[in-house]
């Protein structure tokens, strides 16, 4: 009985922990938070008022359809980051699970969402404040 309760408790913590820890990055300035982000940005992205930073992993099954949605949007305001190749960057954003999307506006992290998003939701994140 206690083993089952323990297993269920651990599973719940593993589901909630990434969401709770991802909130640490919200409200922090990007230059202070992530100097590693600068090499990922092109000139257009450096000038953008709002960026969507998409964290994905090649081993993530949910990331494949979400990557297609990101590619369908095709905006210069989207930065794709492979967490396997840029672990310090993912750690700086407190990314604990993939896929994750960070909204950066005016050099400040406005939101960090863990989990799959539809193309419409991603477009909404690019256009309005969360």
Protein backbone atom coordinates (compact mmCIF):
# COMPACT_ATOMS: atom_id res chain seq x y z
CA UNK A 1 0.00 0.00 0.00
CA UNK A 2 2.70 2.49 1.00
CA UNK A 3 4.75 1.63 -2.05
CA UNK A 4 1.83 2.52 -4.32
CA UNK A 5 1.30 5.84 -2.50
CA UNK A 6 5.01 6.60 -2.79
CA UNK A 7 5.07 5.81 -6.53
CA UNK A 8 1.99 7.96 -7.20
CA UNK A 9 3.52 10.79 -5.14
CA UNK A 10 6.77 10.65 -7.09
CA UNK A 11 4.88 10.66 -10.37
CA UNK A 12 2.89 13.73 -9.32
CA UNK A 13 6.02 15.58 -8.24
CA UNK A 14 7.70 14.78 -11.57
CA UNK A 15 4.72 16.28 -13.42
CA UNK A 16 4.48 19.45 -11.34
CA UNK A 17 8.19 20.16 -10.73
CA UNK A 18 9.05 21.34 -14.28
CA UNK A 19 6.18 23.82 -14.24
CA UNK A 20 7.09 25.21 -10.82
CA UNK A 21 10.80 25.50 -11.56
CA UNK A 22 10.21 27.10 -14.97
CA UNK A 23 8.62 30.10 -13.25
CA UNK A 24 12.01 31.14 -11.81
CA UNK A 25 13.01 32.69 -15.14
CA UNK A 26 9.89 34.82 -15.56
CA UNK A 27 10.57 38.52 -15.03
CA UNK A 28 14.36 38.28 -15.30
CA UNK A 29 16.23 40.33 -17.89
CA UNK A 30 17.61 38.17 -20.69
CA UNK A 31 21.14 39.69 -20.87
CA UNK A 32 21.55 39.11 -17.13
CA UNK A 33 19.96 35.67 -17.33
CA UNK A 34 21.43 34.30 -20.52
CA UNK A 35 24.55 35.65 -22.18
CA UNK A 36 24.62 32.31 -24.06
CA UNK A 37 21.49 33.33 -26.02
CA UNK A 38 23.29 36.02 -28.04
CA UNK A 39 25.05 33.60 -30.46
CA UNK A 40 21.67 32.04 -31.32
CA UNK A 41 20.21 35.34 -32.49
CA UNK A 42 20.50 36.88 -35.93
CA UNK A 43 20.35 40.65 -36.46
CA UNK A 44 16.57 40.67 -37.01
CA UNK A 45 15.99 38.74 -33.79
CA UNK A 46 18.25 41.08 -31.81
CA UNK A 47 16.04 44.00 -32.87
CA UNK A 48 12.70 42.21 -32.31
CA UNK A 49 10.50 43.51 -29.50
CA UNK A 50 9.13 40.00 -28.83
CA UNK A 51 10.89 36.66 -29.25
CA UNK A 52 9.65 33.13 -28.86
CA UNK A 53 12.45 30.82 -27.70
CA UNK A 54 11.48 27.21 -28.46
CA UNK A 55 13.38 24.54 -26.50
CA UNK A 56 13.23 21.08 -28.06
CA UNK A 57 15.07 17.76 -27.92
CA UNK A 58 15.69 15.14 -30.61
CA UNK A 59 14.48 12.44 -28.19
CA UNK A 60 11.16 14.20 -27.51
CA UNK A 61 8.24 12.65 -29.39
CA UNK A 62 5.94 15.62 -28.70
CA UNK A 63 8.55 18.03 -30.10
CA UNK A 64 8.23 16.67 -33.65
CA UNK A 65 4.69 17.93 -34.36
CA UNK A 66 5.38 21.13 -32.45
CA UNK A 67 8.50 21.74 -34.56
CA UNK A 68 6.32 21.45 -37.66
CA UNK A 69 3.98 24.09 -36.20
CA UNK A 70 6.97 26.34 -35.46
CA UNK A 71 8.23 25.89 -39.02
CA UNK A 72 4.75 26.63 -40.40
CA UNK A 73 4.73 29.97 -38.61
CA UNK A 74 8.10 30.76 -40.18
CA UNK A 75 8.65 33.96 -38.20
CA UNK A 76 12.02 35.64 -37.71
CA UNK A 77 10.93 36.14 -34.10
CA UNK A 78 11.29 32.44 -33.25
CA UNK A 79 14.53 30.96 -31.95
CA UNK A 80 14.81 27.15 -31.93
CA UNK A 81 17.18 25.75 -29.30
CA UNK A 82 18.18 22.08 -29.13
CA UNK A 83 18.63 21.46 -25.40
CA UNK A 84 21.09 18.62 -26.08
CA UNK A 85 23.46 21.06 -27.81
CA UNK A 86 22.80 24.10 -25.60
CA UNK A 87 22.34 22.73 -22.09
CA UNK A 88 23.66 25.88 -20.31
CA UNK A 89 21.09 27.98 -22.16
CA UNK A 90 18.25 25.61 -21.19
CA UNK A 91 19.47 25.61 -17.58
CA UNK A 92 19.59 29.41 -17.51
CA UNK A 93 15.93 29.49 -18.57
CA UNK A 94 15.15 26.77 -15.96
CA UNK A 95 13.84 24.44 -18.67
CA UNK A 96 13.08 21.12 -17.00
CA UNK A 97 11.15 19.47 -19.82
CA UNK A 98 10.70 19.65 -23.56
CA UNK A 99 9.00 21.10 -25.43
CA UNK A 100 9.13 24.46 -23.66
CA UNK A 101 8.47 27.94 -25.00
CA UNK A 102 9.83 31.15 -23.48
CA UNK A 103 8.36 34.51 -24.43
CA UNK A 104 10.97 37.28 -24.28
CA UNK A 105 9.68 40.83 -24.59
CA UNK A 106 11.82 43.93 -24.27
CA UNK A 107 14.74 41.85 -23.04
CA UNK A 108 12.71 40.32 -20.18
CA UNK A 109 11.31 36.79 -19.92
CA UNK A 110 7.54 37.32 -19.81
CA UNK A 111 6.43 33.67 -19.79
CA UNK A 112 7.83 30.16 -19.85
CA UNK A 113 5.43 27.38 -20.75
CA UNK A 114 6.17 23.67 -20.60
CA UNK A 115 4.38 21.26 -22.89
CA UNK A 116 3.05 21.07 -26.41
CA UNK A 117 1.29 24.06 -27.98
CA UNK A 118 -0.75 24.27 -31.16
CA UNK A 119 0.16 26.52 -34.05
CA UNK A 120 -2.65 28.91 -33.06
CA UNK A 121 -1.38 29.08 -29.47
CA UNK A 122 2.16 29.77 -30.66
CA UNK A 123 0.94 32.56 -32.94
CA UNK A 124 -0.96 34.01 -29.98
CA UNK A 125 2.17 33.96 -27.84
CA UNK A 126 4.03 35.89 -30.54
CA UNK A 127 1.31 38.53 -30.85
CA UNK A 128 0.00 39.24 -27.36
CA UNK A 129 1.19 39.46 -23.77
CA UNK A 130 0.66 36.47 -21.50
